[in-house]
N, C-alpha and C. Protein backbone atom coordinates (compact mmCIF):
# COMPACT_ATOMS: atom_id res chain seq x y z
N MET A 1 38.95 -41.88 -170.36
CA MET A 1 37.78 -41.62 -171.18
C MET A 1 37.59 -42.83 -172.09
N LYS A 2 36.40 -43.33 -172.16
CA LYS A 2 36.09 -44.46 -173.04
C LYS A 2 35.30 -43.95 -174.23
N CYS A 3 35.72 -44.36 -175.41
CA CYS A 3 35.13 -43.86 -176.64
C CYS A 3 34.44 -44.99 -177.40
N LYS A 4 33.27 -44.68 -177.92
CA LYS A 4 32.56 -45.62 -178.80
C LYS A 4 33.25 -45.67 -180.16
N GLY A 5 33.69 -44.52 -180.63
CA GLY A 5 34.39 -44.40 -181.90
C GLY A 5 35.22 -43.14 -181.89
N TYR A 6 36.09 -43.00 -182.89
CA TYR A 6 36.98 -41.85 -182.97
C TYR A 6 36.75 -41.11 -184.27
N ILE A 7 36.63 -39.80 -184.15
CA ILE A 7 36.49 -38.93 -185.32
C ILE A 7 37.63 -37.92 -185.23
N TYR A 8 38.47 -37.92 -186.25
CA TYR A 8 39.65 -37.06 -186.25
C TYR A 8 39.37 -35.80 -187.05
N LYS A 9 39.51 -34.66 -186.39
CA LYS A 9 39.36 -33.38 -187.07
C LYS A 9 40.58 -33.16 -187.96
N LYS A 10 40.41 -32.36 -189.00
CA LYS A 10 41.48 -32.09 -189.97
C LYS A 10 42.75 -31.60 -189.28
N HIS A 11 42.58 -30.68 -188.33
CA HIS A 11 43.73 -30.13 -187.60
C HIS A 11 44.51 -31.24 -186.91
N ALA A 12 43.81 -32.15 -186.25
CA ALA A 12 44.48 -33.25 -185.54
C ALA A 12 45.24 -34.13 -186.52
N LEU A 13 44.63 -34.46 -187.65
CA LEU A 13 45.30 -35.30 -188.65
C LEU A 13 46.56 -34.63 -189.18
N GLU A 14 46.47 -33.33 -189.46
CA GLU A 14 47.65 -32.60 -189.94
C GLU A 14 48.77 -32.63 -188.90
N ARG A 15 48.43 -32.43 -187.64
CA ARG A 15 49.43 -32.43 -186.58
C ARG A 15 50.00 -33.83 -186.36
N MET A 16 49.17 -34.83 -186.45
CA MET A 16 49.66 -36.21 -186.30
C MET A 16 50.68 -36.54 -187.38
N ILE A 17 50.41 -36.15 -188.60
CA ILE A 17 51.34 -36.42 -189.70
C ILE A 17 52.64 -35.66 -189.49
N SER A 18 52.54 -34.36 -189.19
CA SER A 18 53.76 -33.55 -189.05
C SER A 18 54.58 -33.93 -187.82
N ARG A 19 53.93 -34.53 -186.83
CA ARG A 19 54.62 -34.86 -185.58
C ARG A 19 54.86 -36.36 -185.41
N ASN A 20 54.53 -37.12 -186.44
CA ASN A 20 54.76 -38.57 -186.44
C ASN A 20 54.09 -39.25 -185.24
N ILE A 21 52.81 -38.94 -185.05
CA ILE A 21 52.01 -39.53 -183.98
C ILE A 21 50.96 -40.44 -184.64
N SER A 22 50.89 -41.69 -184.19
CA SER A 22 50.00 -42.66 -184.83
C SER A 22 48.60 -42.65 -184.23
N PHE A 23 47.66 -43.24 -184.97
CA PHE A 23 46.30 -43.41 -184.46
C PHE A 23 46.32 -44.25 -183.19
N GLU A 24 47.13 -45.29 -183.17
CA GLU A 24 47.21 -46.17 -182.01
C GLU A 24 47.69 -45.40 -180.77
N GLU A 25 48.67 -44.51 -180.96
CA GLU A 25 49.17 -43.72 -179.83
C GLU A 25 48.09 -42.78 -179.31
N VAL A 26 47.38 -42.15 -180.21
CA VAL A 26 46.31 -41.22 -179.81
C VAL A 26 45.22 -41.96 -179.05
N GLU A 27 44.78 -43.08 -179.58
CA GLU A 27 43.68 -43.83 -178.95
C GLU A 27 44.11 -44.42 -177.61
N LYS A 28 45.35 -44.88 -177.52
CA LYS A 28 45.85 -45.37 -176.24
C LYS A 28 45.90 -44.23 -175.22
N ALA A 29 46.36 -43.05 -175.65
CA ALA A 29 46.42 -41.89 -174.75
C ALA A 29 45.02 -41.52 -174.24
N ILE A 30 44.05 -41.52 -175.12
CA ILE A 30 42.69 -41.16 -174.71
C ILE A 30 42.15 -42.19 -173.71
N ASN A 31 42.37 -43.46 -173.98
CA ASN A 31 41.83 -44.53 -173.14
C ASN A 31 42.53 -44.68 -171.80
N GLU A 32 43.83 -44.39 -171.77
CA GLU A 32 44.62 -44.64 -170.57
C GLU A 32 45.14 -43.38 -169.88
N GLY A 33 45.00 -42.24 -170.54
CA GLY A 33 45.57 -41.01 -170.01
C GLY A 33 44.76 -40.36 -168.91
N GLU A 34 45.30 -39.26 -168.45
CA GLU A 34 44.71 -38.49 -167.35
C GLU A 34 44.22 -37.14 -167.87
N ILE A 35 43.00 -36.80 -167.54
CA ILE A 35 42.48 -35.48 -167.90
C ILE A 35 43.16 -34.46 -166.99
N ILE A 36 43.88 -33.51 -167.62
CA ILE A 36 44.59 -32.52 -166.81
C ILE A 36 43.96 -31.13 -166.91
N LYS A 37 43.04 -30.95 -167.85
CA LYS A 37 42.35 -29.66 -167.95
C LYS A 37 41.02 -29.88 -168.66
N ASP A 38 39.98 -29.23 -168.15
CA ASP A 38 38.65 -29.27 -168.77
C ASP A 38 38.37 -27.94 -169.45
N TYR A 39 37.67 -28.02 -170.57
CA TYR A 39 37.20 -26.84 -171.28
C TYR A 39 35.68 -26.94 -171.40
N PRO A 40 34.96 -26.63 -170.31
CA PRO A 40 33.51 -26.86 -170.28
C PRO A 40 32.71 -25.96 -171.22
N ASP A 41 33.29 -24.84 -171.66
CA ASP A 41 32.55 -23.91 -172.51
C ASP A 41 32.75 -24.15 -174.00
N ASP A 42 33.58 -25.15 -174.36
CA ASP A 42 33.79 -25.44 -175.79
C ASP A 42 32.50 -25.91 -176.43
N LYS A 43 32.36 -25.62 -177.70
CA LYS A 43 31.17 -25.97 -178.48
C LYS A 43 31.57 -26.79 -179.69
N PRO A 44 30.80 -27.71 -180.16
CA PRO A 44 29.46 -28.05 -179.70
C PRO A 44 29.44 -28.94 -178.46
N PHE A 45 30.62 -29.49 -178.07
CA PHE A 45 30.69 -30.32 -176.87
C PHE A 45 31.86 -29.84 -176.02
N LYS A 46 31.73 -29.97 -174.72
CA LYS A 46 32.86 -29.63 -173.86
C LYS A 46 34.04 -30.50 -174.26
N SER A 47 35.25 -30.02 -174.00
CA SER A 47 36.44 -30.79 -174.35
C SER A 47 37.39 -30.82 -173.17
N CYS A 48 38.49 -31.56 -173.34
CA CYS A 48 39.47 -31.67 -172.28
C CYS A 48 40.85 -31.92 -172.88
N LEU A 49 41.85 -31.69 -172.06
CA LEU A 49 43.23 -31.97 -172.42
C LEU A 49 43.66 -33.21 -171.64
N ILE A 50 44.13 -34.21 -172.36
CA ILE A 50 44.56 -35.47 -171.76
C ILE A 50 46.07 -35.59 -171.88
N LEU A 51 46.70 -36.06 -170.80
CA LEU A 51 48.12 -36.37 -170.80
C LEU A 51 48.29 -37.87 -170.65
N ALA A 52 49.17 -38.42 -171.48
CA ALA A 52 49.53 -39.83 -171.35
C ALA A 52 50.96 -40.01 -171.80
N ILE A 53 51.62 -41.00 -171.23
CA ILE A 53 52.95 -41.39 -171.69
C ILE A 53 52.73 -42.63 -172.55
N VAL A 54 53.02 -42.50 -173.83
CA VAL A 54 52.81 -43.59 -174.79
C VAL A 54 54.12 -43.83 -175.53
N ASN A 55 54.54 -45.07 -175.54
CA ASN A 55 55.82 -45.43 -176.18
C ASN A 55 56.97 -44.55 -175.67
N LYS A 56 56.95 -44.32 -174.36
CA LYS A 56 57.99 -43.55 -173.65
C LYS A 56 58.03 -42.07 -174.01
N LYS A 57 56.96 -41.56 -174.64
CA LYS A 57 56.93 -40.12 -174.92
C LYS A 57 55.62 -39.54 -174.39
N PRO A 58 55.69 -38.31 -173.84
CA PRO A 58 54.47 -37.67 -173.35
C PRO A 58 53.64 -37.16 -174.53
N LEU A 59 52.35 -37.31 -174.41
CA LEU A 59 51.43 -36.79 -175.43
C LEU A 59 50.33 -36.00 -174.75
N HIS A 60 49.96 -34.90 -175.38
CA HIS A 60 48.77 -34.14 -175.02
C HIS A 60 47.76 -34.34 -176.14
N ILE A 61 46.53 -34.65 -175.77
CA ILE A 61 45.46 -34.84 -176.73
C ILE A 61 44.30 -33.94 -176.29
N VAL A 62 43.81 -33.12 -177.21
CA VAL A 62 42.60 -32.34 -176.94
C VAL A 62 41.46 -33.10 -177.60
N VAL A 63 40.46 -33.44 -176.79
CA VAL A 63 39.38 -34.31 -177.28
C VAL A 63 38.05 -33.86 -176.69
N SER A 64 36.98 -34.07 -177.45
CA SER A 64 35.63 -33.85 -176.95
C SER A 64 34.83 -35.12 -177.20
N GLN A 65 33.68 -35.22 -176.53
CA GLN A 65 32.86 -36.42 -176.67
C GLN A 65 31.41 -36.03 -176.79
N ASP A 66 30.72 -36.63 -177.78
CA ASP A 66 29.30 -36.33 -177.95
C ASP A 66 28.46 -37.21 -177.02
N ASN A 67 27.16 -37.03 -177.07
CA ASN A 67 26.25 -37.75 -176.17
C ASN A 67 26.18 -39.24 -176.46
N GLU A 68 26.61 -39.66 -177.66
CA GLU A 68 26.60 -41.07 -178.02
C GLU A 68 27.91 -41.77 -177.66
N GLY A 69 28.90 -41.02 -177.17
CA GLY A 69 30.17 -41.61 -176.77
C GLY A 69 31.25 -41.56 -177.82
N ASN A 70 30.99 -40.89 -178.96
CA ASN A 70 32.03 -40.72 -179.97
C ASN A 70 33.01 -39.65 -179.52
N CYS A 71 34.30 -39.92 -179.72
CA CYS A 71 35.34 -38.96 -179.35
C CYS A 71 35.83 -38.23 -180.58
N PHE A 72 35.92 -36.92 -180.47
CA PHE A 72 36.41 -36.06 -181.53
C PHE A 72 37.81 -35.62 -181.14
N VAL A 73 38.80 -36.07 -181.90
CA VAL A 73 40.19 -35.71 -181.63
C VAL A 73 40.44 -34.37 -182.31
N ILE A 74 40.72 -33.35 -181.51
CA ILE A 74 40.85 -31.98 -182.00
C ILE A 74 42.31 -31.64 -182.29
N SER A 75 43.21 -32.02 -181.40
CA SER A 75 44.63 -31.75 -181.60
C SER A 75 45.45 -32.74 -180.79
N THR A 76 46.70 -32.89 -181.18
CA THR A 76 47.62 -33.74 -180.44
C THR A 76 49.04 -33.26 -180.65
N TYR A 77 49.83 -33.36 -179.59
CA TYR A 77 51.21 -32.89 -179.66
C TYR A 77 52.02 -33.44 -178.49
N GLU A 78 53.34 -33.40 -178.64
CA GLU A 78 54.22 -33.67 -177.52
C GLU A 78 54.44 -32.35 -176.80
N PRO A 79 54.15 -32.29 -175.50
CA PRO A 79 54.31 -31.04 -174.77
C PRO A 79 55.76 -30.56 -174.77
N ASP A 80 55.93 -29.27 -174.99
CA ASP A 80 57.25 -28.63 -175.04
C ASP A 80 57.76 -28.42 -173.62
N LYS A 81 58.97 -28.89 -173.36
CA LYS A 81 59.57 -28.77 -172.02
C LYS A 81 59.82 -27.32 -171.63
N GLU A 82 59.87 -26.43 -172.61
CA GLU A 82 60.06 -25.00 -172.32
C GLU A 82 58.76 -24.36 -171.82
N ILE A 83 57.63 -24.98 -172.16
CA ILE A 83 56.32 -24.43 -171.82
C ILE A 83 55.69 -25.15 -170.63
N TRP A 84 55.96 -26.45 -170.49
CA TRP A 84 55.32 -27.28 -169.47
C TRP A 84 56.32 -27.68 -168.40
N ASP A 85 55.84 -27.79 -167.14
CA ASP A 85 56.68 -28.31 -166.06
C ASP A 85 57.07 -29.76 -166.35
N LYS A 86 57.97 -30.29 -165.54
CA LYS A 86 58.49 -31.65 -165.74
C LYS A 86 57.39 -32.72 -165.78
N ASP A 87 56.30 -32.48 -165.07
CA ASP A 87 55.22 -33.47 -165.04
C ASP A 87 54.30 -33.38 -166.25
N PHE A 88 54.52 -32.36 -167.09
CA PHE A 88 53.73 -32.10 -168.31
C PHE A 88 52.25 -31.82 -168.01
N LYS A 89 51.94 -31.51 -166.75
CA LYS A 89 50.57 -31.21 -166.36
C LYS A 89 50.34 -29.72 -166.14
N THR A 90 51.40 -29.00 -165.84
CA THR A 90 51.28 -27.60 -165.47
C THR A 90 52.02 -26.72 -166.45
N ASN A 91 51.30 -25.75 -167.00
CA ASN A 91 51.90 -24.79 -167.90
C ASN A 91 52.74 -23.82 -167.08
N LYS A 92 53.97 -23.56 -167.50
CA LYS A 92 54.88 -22.68 -166.77
C LYS A 92 54.43 -21.23 -166.75
N LYS A 93 53.59 -20.83 -167.67
CA LYS A 93 53.16 -19.43 -167.75
C LYS A 93 52.19 -19.07 -166.66
């Protein structure tokens, strides 16, 4: 996904601070990662879950994009090995 700019939602910023995830890691994940799930019914814009390995750690980023190409970072986290398969693409549930 290519972004014109990044807008970080409060939830994402809180999670980034608590999980020690940098802006650079998030932006690299969005630009280089793989979309592993789409959420077409999200409002005001559809969103997706992106997986990327950044600095040797897996990251999940939930992001949406407006019509002008701005990316809204909604949440970010390191996927839990208890919840996700080894590839971090498939939820075990």
